[in-house]
């Protein structure tokens, strides 16, 4: 699945991801290895990830790739920017 990081705490290594299917947000826990450890995840980053549902909550189980985003602090601005850049057609898939 493709998603946008809406919030990520680098100290605790936890975050929330908006999912391309527009379903529930996905939770990133501290046990998840992030590709390119030299740069932590940030708000606005586009990720490709696998997830599982436990107790009706989506949990990210692995992150496969990351495209650096705008690092805007406001999740609404992040999603609006991706929508605008895609010409209103949704997210751009990263290969």
PDB file of N, CA and C in Angstrom:
ATOM      1  N   UNK A   1       0.851  -1.169   0.000  1.00  0.00           N
ATOM      2  CA  UNK A   1       0.000   0.000   0.000  1.00  0.00           C
ATOM      3  C   UNK A   1       0.903   1.239   0.000  1.00  0.00           C
ATOM      4  N   UNK A   2       0.387   2.308  -0.565  1.00  0.00           N
ATOM      5  CA  UNK A   2       1.079   3.593  -0.568  1.00  0.00           C
ATOM      6  C   UNK A   2       0.417   4.479   0.484  1.00  0.00           C
ATOM      7  N   UNK A   3       1.216   5.285   1.174  1.00  0.00           N
ATOM      8  CA  UNK A   3       0.667   6.174   2.183  1.00  0.00           C
ATOM      9  C   UNK A   3       1.506   7.424   2.362  1.00  0.00           C
ATOM     10  N   UNK A   4       0.954   8.370   3.103  1.00  0.00           N
ATOM     11  CA  UNK A   4       1.620   9.630   3.412  1.00  0.00           C
ATOM     12  C   UNK A   4       1.772   9.719   4.927  1.00  0.00           C
ATOM     13  N   UNK A   5       2.991   9.998   5.377  1.00  0.00           N
ATOM     14  CA  UNK A   5       3.226  10.153   6.810  1.00  0.00           C
ATOM     15  C   UNK A   5       2.601  11.480   7.238  1.00  0.00           C
ATOM     16  N   UNK A   6       1.621  11.391   8.130  1.00  0.00           N
ATOM     17  CA  UNK A   6       0.947  12.591   8.631  1.00  0.00           C
ATOM     18  C   UNK A   6       1.620  13.129   9.883  1.00  0.00           C
ATOM     19  N   UNK A   7       2.203  12.234  10.658  1.00  0.00           N
ATOM     20  CA  UNK A   7       2.856  12.616  11.908  1.00  0.00           C
ATOM     21  C   UNK A   7       3.870  11.545  12.239  1.00  0.00           C
ATOM     22  N   UNK A   8       5.056  11.958  12.694  1.00  0.00           N
ATOM     23  CA  UNK A   8       6.082  10.998  13.110  1.00  0.00           C
ATOM     24  C   UNK A   8       6.928  11.623  14.201  1.00  0.00           C
ATOM     25  N   UNK A   9       7.072  10.910  15.332  1.00  0.00           N
ATOM     26  CA  UNK A   9       7.897  11.355  16.448  1.00  0.00           C
ATOM     27  C   UNK A   9       9.228  10.621  16.342  1.00  0.00           C
ATOM     28  N   UNK A  10      10.289  11.342  15.979  1.00  0.00           N
ATOM     29  CA  UNK A  10      11.582  10.698  15.764  1.00  0.00           C
ATOM     30  C   UNK A  10      12.204  10.177  17.058  1.00  0.00           C
ATOM     31  N   UNK A  11      11.903  10.809  18.196  1.00  0.00           N
ATOM     32  CA  UNK A  11      12.440  10.337  19.471  1.00  0.00           C
ATOM     33  C   UNK A  11      11.856   8.983  19.855  1.00  0.00           C
ATOM     34  N   UNK A  12      10.545   8.840  19.695  1.00  0.00           N
ATOM     35  CA  UNK A  12       9.871   7.596  20.077  1.00  0.00           C
ATOM     36  C   UNK A  12       9.725   6.619  18.914  1.00  0.00           C
ATOM     37  N   UNK A  13      10.003   7.091  17.694  1.00  0.00           N
ATOM     38  CA  UNK A  13       9.903   6.303  16.461  1.00  0.00           C
ATOM     39  C   UNK A  13       8.509   5.719  16.262  1.00  0.00           C
ATOM     40  N   UNK A  14       7.500   6.566  16.442  1.00  0.00           N
ATOM     41  CA  UNK A  14       6.110   6.184  16.211  1.00  0.00           C
ATOM     42  C   UNK A  14       5.461   7.225  15.313  1.00  0.00           C
ATOM     43  N   UNK A  15       4.448   6.806  14.570  1.00  0.00           N
ATOM     44  CA  UNK A  15       3.793   7.752  13.683  1.00  0.00           C
ATOM     45  C   UNK A  15       2.462   7.257  13.160  1.00  0.00           C
ATOM     46  N   UNK A  16       1.830   8.106  12.351  1.00  0.00           N
ATOM     47  CA  UNK A  16       0.557   7.799  11.715  1.00  0.00           C
ATOM     48  C   UNK A  16       0.665   8.034  10.219  1.00  0.00           C
ATOM     49  N   UNK A  17       0.002   7.159   9.457  1.00  0.00           N
ATOM     50  CA  UNK A  17       0.078   7.199   7.998  1.00  0.00           C
ATOM     51  C   UNK A  17      -1.328   7.245   7.416  1.00  0.00           C
ATOM     52  N   UNK A  18      -1.550   8.174   6.478  1.00  0.00           N
ATOM     53  CA  UNK A  18      -2.764   8.201   5.679  1.00  0.00           C
ATOM     54  C   UNK A  18      -2.587   7.155   4.589  1.00  0.00           C
ATOM     55  N   UNK A  19      -3.604   6.348   4.340  1.00  0.00           N
ATOM     56  CA  UNK A  19      -3.505   5.232   3.393  1.00  0.00           C
ATOM     57  C   UNK A  19      -4.238   5.541   2.092  1.00  0.00           C
ATOM     58  N   UNK A  20      -3.683   5.058   0.985  1.00  0.00           N
ATOM     59  CA  UNK A  20      -4.228   5.351  -0.333  1.00  0.00           C
ATOM     60  C   UNK A  20      -5.670   4.890  -0.517  1.00  0.00           C
ATOM     61  N   UNK A  21      -6.106   3.882   0.234  1.00  0.00           N
ATOM     62  CA  UNK A  21      -7.485   3.424   0.101  1.00  0.00           C
ATOM     63  C   UNK A  21      -8.457   4.288   0.904  1.00  0.00           C
ATOM     64  N   UNK A  22      -7.937   5.311   1.553  1.00  0.00           N
ATOM     65  CA  UNK A  22      -8.695   6.267   2.338  1.00  0.00           C
ATOM     66  C   UNK A  22      -9.451   5.604   3.488  1.00  0.00           C
ATOM     67  N   UNK A  23      -8.941   4.459   3.929  1.00  0.00           N
ATOM     68  CA  UNK A  23      -9.494   3.778   5.093  1.00  0.00           C
ATOM     69  C   UNK A  23      -8.865   4.345   6.359  1.00  0.00           C
ATOM     70  N   UNK A  24      -8.895   3.578   7.439  1.00  0.00           N
ATOM     71  CA  UNK A  24      -8.320   4.044   8.699  1.00  0.00           C
ATOM     72  C   UNK A  24      -6.822   4.342   8.567  1.00  0.00           C
ATOM     73  N   UNK A  25      -6.344   5.268   9.386  1.00  0.00           N
ATOM     74  CA  UNK A  25      -4.917   5.564   9.421  1.00  0.00           C
ATOM     75  C   UNK A  25      -4.157   4.337   9.894  1.00  0.00           C
ATOM     76  N   UNK A  26      -2.893   4.244   9.513  1.00  0.00           N
ATOM     77  CA  UNK A  26      -2.039   3.136   9.943  1.00  0.00           C
ATOM     78  C   UNK A  26      -1.032   3.655  10.960  1.00  0.00           C
ATOM     79  N   UNK A  27      -0.738   2.828  11.955  1.00  0.00           N
ATOM     80  CA  UNK A  27       0.181   3.172  13.036  1.00  0.00           C
ATOM     81  C   UNK A  27       1.560   2.586  12.747  1.00  0.00           C
ATOM     82  N   UNK A  28       2.596   3.415  12.863  1.00  0.00           N
ATOM     83  CA  UNK A  28       3.980   2.955  12.758  1.00  0.00           C
ATOM     84  C   UNK A  28       4.518   2.845  14.173  1.00  0.00           C
ATOM     85  N   UNK A  29       4.970   1.658  14.545  1.00  0.00           N
ATOM     86  CA  UNK A  29       5.535   1.444  15.877  1.00  0.00           C
ATOM     87  C   UNK A  29       7.053   1.503  15.862  1.00  0.00           C
ATOM     88  N   UNK A  30       7.657   1.563  17.031  1.00  0.00           N
ATOM     89  CA  UNK A  30       9.121   1.685  17.121  1.00  0.00           C
ATOM     90  C   UNK A  30       9.871   0.457  16.630  1.00  0.00           C
ATOM     91  N   UNK A  31       9.197  -0.659  16.463  1.00  0.00           N
ATOM     92  CA  UNK A  31       9.866  -1.880  15.999  1.00  0.00           C
ATOM     93  C   UNK A  31      10.050  -1.929  14.485  1.00  0.00           C
ATOM     94  N   UNK A  32       9.502  -0.970  13.753  1.00  0.00           N
ATOM     95  CA  UNK A  32       9.553  -0.965  12.295  1.00  0.00           C
ATOM     96  C   UNK A  32      10.857  -0.347  11.794  1.00  0.00           C
ATOM     97  N   UNK A  33      11.570  -1.109  10.980  1.00  0.00           N
ATOM     98  CA  UNK A  33      12.819  -0.614  10.374  1.00  0.00           C
ATOM     99  C   UNK A  33      12.465   0.290   9.193  1.00  0.00           C
ATOM    100  N   UNK A  34      13.039   1.463   9.190  1.00  0.00           N
ATOM    101  CA  UNK A  34      12.791   2.431   8.122  1.00  0.00           C
ATOM    102  C   UNK A  34      13.975   2.417   7.163  1.00  0.00           C
ATOM    103  N   UNK A  35      13.727   2.247   5.843  1.00  0.00           N
ATOM    104  CA  UNK A  35      14.829   2.303   4.881  1.00  0.00           C
ATOM    105  C   UNK A  35      15.563   3.640   4.977  1.00  0.00           C
ATOM    106  N   UNK A  36      16.843   3.629   4.699  1.00  0.00           N
ATOM    107  CA  UNK A  36      17.678   4.834   4.736  1.00  0.00           C
ATOM    108  C   UNK A  36      17.645   5.467   6.126  1.00  0.00           C
ATOM    109  N   UNK A  37      18.199   4.749   7.086  1.00  0.00           N
ATOM    110  CA  UNK A  37      18.221   5.217   8.480  1.00  0.00           C
ATOM    111  C   UNK A  37      18.928   6.560   8.644  1.00  0.00           C
ATOM    112  N   UNK A  38      19.681   6.989   7.624  1.00  0.00           N
ATOM    113  CA  UNK A  38      20.387   8.264   7.728  1.00  0.00           C
ATOM    114  C   UNK A  38      19.406   9.429   7.846  1.00  0.00           C
ATOM    115  N   UNK A  39      18.212   9.242   7.328  1.00  0.00           N
ATOM    116  CA  UNK A  39      17.194  10.289   7.392  1.00  0.00           C
ATOM    117  C   UNK A  39      15.928   9.712   8.002  1.00  0.00           C
ATOM    118  N   UNK A  40      15.475  10.237   9.125  1.00  0.00           N
ATOM    119  CA  UNK A  40      14.252   9.725   9.740  1.00  0.00           C
ATOM    120  C   UNK A  40      13.019  10.098   8.917  1.00  0.00           C
ATOM    121  N   UNK A  41      11.933   9.391   9.145  1.00  0.00           N
ATOM    122  CA  UNK A  41      10.677   9.745   8.493  1.00  0.00           C
ATOM    123  C   UNK A  41      10.242  11.131   8.937  1.00  0.00           C
ATOM    124  N   UNK A  42       9.499  11.803   8.066  1.00  0.00           N
ATOM    125  CA  UNK A  42       8.975  13.116   8.407  1.00  0.00           C
ATOM    126  C   UNK A  42       7.587  13.298   7.829  1.00  0.00           C
ATOM    127  N   UNK A  43       6.880  14.255   8.338  1.00  0.00           N
ATOM    128  CA  UNK A  43       5.548  14.578   7.855  1.00  0.00           C
ATOM    129  C   UNK A  43       5.617  14.914   6.364  1.00  0.00           C
ATOM    130  N   UNK A  44       4.763  14.283   5.595  1.00  0.00           N
ATOM    131  CA  UNK A  44       4.740  14.520   4.154  1.00  0.00           C
ATOM    132  C   UNK A  44       5.478  13.481   3.347  1.00  0.00           C
ATOM    133  N   UNK A  45       6.269  12.610   3.984  1.00  0.00           N
ATOM    134  CA  UNK A  45       6.972  11.556   3.251  1.00  0.00           C
ATOM    135  C   UNK A  45       5.963  10.563   2.686  1.00  0.00           C
ATOM    136  N   UNK A  46       6.208  10.120   1.451  1.00  0.00           N
ATOM    137  CA  UNK A  46       5.371   9.095   0.832  1.00  0.00           C
ATOM    138  C   UNK A  46       6.067   7.763   1.037  1.00  0.00           C
ATOM    139  N   UNK A  47       5.327   6.765   1.546  1.00  0.00           N
ATOM    140  CA  UNK A  47       5.935   5.466   1.800  1.00  0.00           C
ATOM    141  C   UNK A  47       5.138   4.357   1.124  1.00  0.00           C
ATOM    142  N   UNK A  48       5.832   3.282   0.835  1.00  0.00           N
ATOM    143  CA  UNK A  48       5.212   2.041   0.411  1.00  0.00           C
ATOM    144  C   UNK A  48       5.358   1.100   1.595  1.00  0.00           C
ATOM    145  N   UNK A  49       4.268   0.464   2.006  1.00  0.00           N
ATOM    146  CA  UNK A  49       4.331  -0.334   3.227  1.00  0.00           C
ATOM    147  C   UNK A  49       3.371  -1.515   3.195  1.00  0.00           C
ATOM    148  N   UNK A  50       3.659  -2.469   4.060  1.00  0.00           N
ATOM    149  CA  UNK A  50       2.765  -3.589   4.323  1.00  0.00           C
ATOM    150  C   UNK A  50       2.142  -3.351   5.685  1.00  0.00           C
ATOM    151  N   UNK A  51       0.938  -3.879   5.876  1.00  0.00           N
ATOM    152  CA  UNK A  51       0.275  -3.676   7.164  1.00  0.00           C
ATOM    153  C   UNK A  51      -0.574  -4.886   7.518  1.00  0.00           C
ATOM    154  N   UNK A  52      -0.980  -4.923   8.772  1.00  0.00           N
ATOM    155  CA  UNK A  52      -1.929  -5.929   9.232  1.00  0.00           C
ATOM    156  C   UNK A  52      -2.921  -5.235  10.158  1.00  0.00           C
ATOM    157  N   UNK A  53      -4.102  -5.837  10.288  1.00  0.00           N
ATOM    158  CA  UNK A  53      -5.131  -5.274  11.155  1.00  0.00           C
ATOM    159  C   UNK A  53      -5.233  -6.152  12.402  1.00  0.00           C
ATOM    160  N   UNK A  54      -5.078  -5.504  13.554  1.00  0.00           N
ATOM    161  CA  UNK A  54      -5.222  -6.179  14.849  1.00  0.00           C
ATOM    162  C   UNK A  54      -6.164  -5.335  15.695  1.00  0.00           C
ATOM    163  N   UNK A  55      -7.188  -5.956  16.220  1.00  0.00           N
ATOM    164  CA  UNK A  55      -8.164  -5.239  17.052  1.00  0.00           C
ATOM    165  C   UNK A  55      -8.694  -3.994  16.348  1.00  0.00           C
ATOM    166  N   UNK A  56      -8.957  -4.116  15.056  1.00  0.00           N
ATOM    167  CA  UNK A  56      -9.515  -3.049  14.212  1.00  0.00           C
ATOM    168  C   UNK A  56      -8.590  -1.844  14.055  1.00  0.00           C
ATOM    169  N   UNK A  57      -7.288  -2.038  14.275  1.00  0.00           N
ATOM    170  CA  UNK A  57      -6.291  -0.980  14.082  1.00  0.00           C
ATOM    171  C   UNK A  57      -5.293  -1.471  13.035  1.00  0.00           C
ATOM    172  N   UNK A  58      -4.952  -0.598  12.085  1.00  0.00           N
ATOM    173  CA  UNK A  58      -3.931  -0.930  11.086  1.00  0.00           C
ATOM    174  C   UNK A  58      -2.553  -0.682  11.677  1.00  0.00           C
ATOM    175  N   UNK A  59      -1.714  -1.687  11.600  1.00  0.00           N
ATOM    176  CA  UNK A  59      -0.330  -1.575  12.062  1.00  0.00           C
ATOM    177  C   UNK A  59       0.601  -1.780  10.876  1.00  0.00           C
ATOM    178  N   UNK A  60       1.508  -0.846  10.658  1.00  0.00           N
ATOM    179  CA  UNK A  60       2.512  -1.004   9.615  1.00  0.00           C
ATOM    180  C   UNK A  60       3.441  -2.132  10.054  1.00  0.00           C
ATOM    181  N   UNK A  61       3.664  -3.113   9.158  1.00  0.00           N
ATOM    182  CA  UNK A  61       4.552  -4.229   9.492  1.00  0.00           C
ATOM    183  C   UNK A  61       5.910  -4.099   8.825  1.00  0.00           C
ATOM    184  N   UNK A  62       5.974  -3.370   7.719  1.00  0.00           N
ATOM    185  CA  UNK A  62       7.269  -3.080   7.087  1.00  0.00           C
ATOM    186  C   UNK A  62       7.115  -1.905   6.138  1.00  0.00           C
ATOM    187  N   UNK A  63       8.177  -1.148   6.020  1.00  0.00           N
ATOM    188  CA  UNK A  63       8.227  -0.032   5.078  1.00  0.00           C
ATOM    189  C   UNK A  63       9.236  -0.402   4.016  1.00  0.00           C
ATOM    190  N   UNK A  64       8.806  -0.344   2.764  1.00  0.00           N
ATOM    191  CA  UNK A  64       9.654  -0.796   1.671  1.00  0.00           C
ATOM    192  C   UNK A  64      10.453   0.323   1.010  1.00  0.00           C
ATOM    193  N   UNK A  65       9.858   1.474   0.863  1.00  0.00           N
ATOM    194  CA  UNK A  65      10.583   2.604   0.263  1.00  0.00           C
ATOM    195  C   UNK A  65       9.965   3.915   0.715  1.00  0.00           C
ATOM    196  N   UNK A  66      10.771   4.956   0.604  1.00  0.00           N
ATOM    197  CA  UNK A  66      10.347   6.273   1.067  1.00  0.00           C
ATOM    198  C   UNK A  66      10.725   7.313   0.021  1.00  0.00           C
ATOM    199  N   UNK A  67       9.793   8.225  -0.245  1.00  0.00           N
ATOM    200  CA  UNK A  67      10.088   9.405  -1.062  1.00  0.00           C
ATOM    201  C   UNK A  67       9.914  10.607  -0.156  1.00  0.00           C
ATOM    202  N   UNK A  68      10.948  11.413  -0.058  1.00  0.00           N
ATOM    203  CA  UNK A  68      10.908  12.578   0.818  1.00  0.00           C
ATOM    204  C   UNK A  68       9.778  13.504   0.416  1.00  0.00           C
ATOM    205  N   UNK A  69       9.061  13.959   1.428  1.00  0.00           N
ATOM    206  CA  UNK A  69       7.928  14.849   1.189  1.00  0.00           C
ATOM    207  C   UNK A  69       8.260  16.286   1.516  1.00  0.00           C
ATOM    208  N   UNK A  70       7.226  17.052   1.698  1.00  0.00           N
ATOM    209  CA  UNK A  70       7.383  18.485   1.933  1.00  0.00           C
ATOM    210  C   UNK A  70       7.753  18.816   3.375  1.00  0.00           C
ATOM    211  N   UNK A  71       7.644  17.861   4.262  1.00  0.00           N
ATOM    212  CA  UNK A  71       7.876  18.029   5.701  1.00  0.00           C
ATOM    213  C   UNK A  71       7.054  19.171   6.296  1.00  0.00           C
ATOM    214  N   UNK A  72       5.902  19.440   5.715  1.00  0.00           N
ATOM    215  CA  UNK A  72       4.995  20.438   6.276  1.00  0.00           C
ATOM    216  C   UNK A  72       4.455  19.915   7.600  1.00  0.00           C
ATOM    217  N   UNK A  73       4.216  20.797   8.533  1.00  0.00           N
ATOM    218  CA  UNK A  73       3.772  20.381   9.862  1.00  0.00           C
ATOM    219  C   UNK A  73       2.281  20.097   9.929  1.00  0.00           C
ATOM    220  N   UNK A  74       1.506  20.596   8.992  1.00  0.00           N
ATOM    221  CA  UNK A  74       0.062  20.463   9.029  1.00  0.00           C
ATOM    222  C   UNK A  74      -0.389  19.337   8.096  1.00  0.00           C
ATOM    223  N   UNK A  75      -0.986  18.251   8.630  1.00  0.00           N
ATOM    224  CA  UNK A  75      -1.405  17.132   7.782  1.00  0.00           C
ATOM    225  C   UNK A  75      -2.353  17.540   6.659  1.00  0.00           C
ATOM    226  N   UNK A  76      -3.240  18.493   6.905  1.00  0.00           N
ATOM    227  CA  UNK A  76      -4.157  18.934   5.859  1.00  0.00           C
ATOM    228  C   UNK A  76      -3.382  19.539   4.693  1.00  0.00           C
ATOM    229  N   UNK A  77      -2.341  20.311   4.988  1.00  0.00           N
ATOM    230  CA  UNK A  77      -1.510  20.899   3.939  1.00  0.00           C
ATOM    231  C   UNK A  77      -0.765  19.827   3.163  1.00  0.00           C
ATOM    232  N   UNK A  78      -0.296  18.805   3.865  1.00  0.00           N
ATOM    233  CA  UNK A  78       0.419  17.709   3.212  1.00  0.00           C
ATOM    234  C   UNK A  78      -0.478  17.020   2.195  1.00  0.00           C
ATOM    235  N   UNK A  79      -1.682  16.641   2.615  1.00  0.00           N
ATOM    236  CA  UNK A  79      -2.600  15.945   1.708  1.00  0.00           C
ATOM    237  C   UNK A  79      -3.056  16.851   0.565  1.00  0.00           C
ATOM    238  N   UNK A  80      -3.292  18.125   0.838  1.00  0.00           N
ATOM    239  CA  UNK A  80      -3.709  19.060  -0.204  1.00  0.00           C
ATOM    240  C   UNK A  80      -2.611  19.220  -1.250  1.00  0.00           C
ATOM    241  N   UNK A  81      -1.354  19.277  -0.814  1.00  0.00           N
ATOM    242  CA  UNK A  81      -0.231  19.425  -1.752  1.00  0.00           C
ATOM    243  C   UNK A  81      -0.116  18.202  -2.654  1.00  0.00           C
ATOM    244  N   UNK A  82      -0.270  17.005  -2.119  1.00  0.00           N
ATOM    245  CA  UNK A  82      -0.204  15.792  -2.940  1.00  0.00           C
ATOM    246  C   UNK A  82      -1.362  15.735  -3.912  1.00  0.00           C
ATOM    247  N   UNK A  83      -2.538  16.144  -3.474  1.00  0.00           N
ATOM    248  CA  UNK A  83      -3.706  16.152  -4.344  1.00  0.00           C
ATOM    249  C   UNK A  83      -3.501  17.140  -5.490  1.00  0.00           C
ATOM    250  N   UNK A  84      -2.987  18.314  -5.178  1.00  0.00           N
ATOM    251  CA  UNK A  84      -2.747  19.344  -6.193  1.00  0.00           C
ATOM    252  C   UNK A  84      -1.674  18.901  -7.187  1.00  0.00           C
ATOM    253  N   UNK A  85      -0.577  18.324  -6.689  1.00  0.00           N
ATOM    254  CA  UNK A  85       0.518  17.883  -7.566  1.00  0.00           C
ATOM    255  C   UNK A  85       0.097  16.746  -8.480  1.00  0.00           C
ATOM    256  N   UNK A  86      -0.900  15.987  -8.064  1.00  0.00           N
ATOM    257  CA  UNK A  86      -1.371  14.867  -8.881  1.00  0.00           C
ATOM    258  C   UNK A  86      -2.515  15.288  -9.799  1.00  0.00           C
ATOM    259  N   UNK A  87      -2.791  16.570  -9.865  1.00  0.00           N
ATOM    260  CA  UNK A  87      -3.866  17.062 -10.728  1.00  0.00           C
ATOM    261  C   UNK A  87      -5.234  16.571 -10.292  1.00  0.00           C
ATOM    262  N   UNK A  88      -5.377  16.359  -8.983  1.00  0.00           N
ATOM    263  CA  UNK A  88      -6.654  15.900  -8.463  1.00  0.00           C
ATOM    264  C   UNK A  88      -6.886  14.420  -8.660  1.00  0.00           C
ATOM    265  N   UNK A  89      -5.869  13.676  -9.096  1.00  0.00           N
ATOM    266  CA  UNK A  89      -6.032  12.253  -9.388  1.00  0.00           C
ATOM    267  C   UNK A  89      -5.487  11.355  -8.312  1.00  0.00           C
ATOM    268  N   UNK A  90      -5.115  11.901  -7.164  1.00  0.00           N
ATOM    269  CA  UNK A  90      -4.617  11.049  -6.083  1.00  0.00           C
ATOM    270  C   UNK A  90      -3.113  11.043  -5.989  1.00  0.00           C
ATOM    271  N   UNK A  91      -2.571  10.023  -5.356  1.00  0.00           N
ATOM    272  CA  UNK A  91      -1.127   9.945  -5.117  1.00  0.00           C
ATOM    273  C   UNK A  91      -0.381   9.488  -6.356  1.00  0.00           C
ATOM    274  N   UNK A  92       0.829   9.923  -6.462  1.00  0.00           N
ATOM    275  CA  UNK A  92       1.734   9.478  -7.499  1.00  0.00           C
ATOM    276  C   UNK A  92       2.471   8.255  -6.961  1.00  0.00           C
ATOM    277  N   UNK A  93       2.452   7.164  -7.673  1.00  0.00           N
ATOM    278  CA  UNK A  93       3.088   5.932  -7.213  1.00  0.00           C
ATOM    279  C   UNK A  93       4.582   6.015  -7.443  1.00  0.00           C
ATOM    280  N   UNK A  94       5.357   5.675  -6.411  1.00  0.00           N
ATOM    281  CA  UNK A  94       6.809   5.697  -6.474  1.00  0.00           C
ATOM    282  C   UNK A  94       7.310   4.332  -6.882  1.00  0.00           C
ATOM    283  N   UNK A  95       8.165   4.272  -7.883  1.00  0.00           N
ATOM    284  CA  UNK A  95       8.696   2.964  -8.333  1.00  0.00           C
ATOM    285  C   UNK A  95       9.930   2.583  -7.565  1.00  0.00           C
TER     286      UNK A  95
END
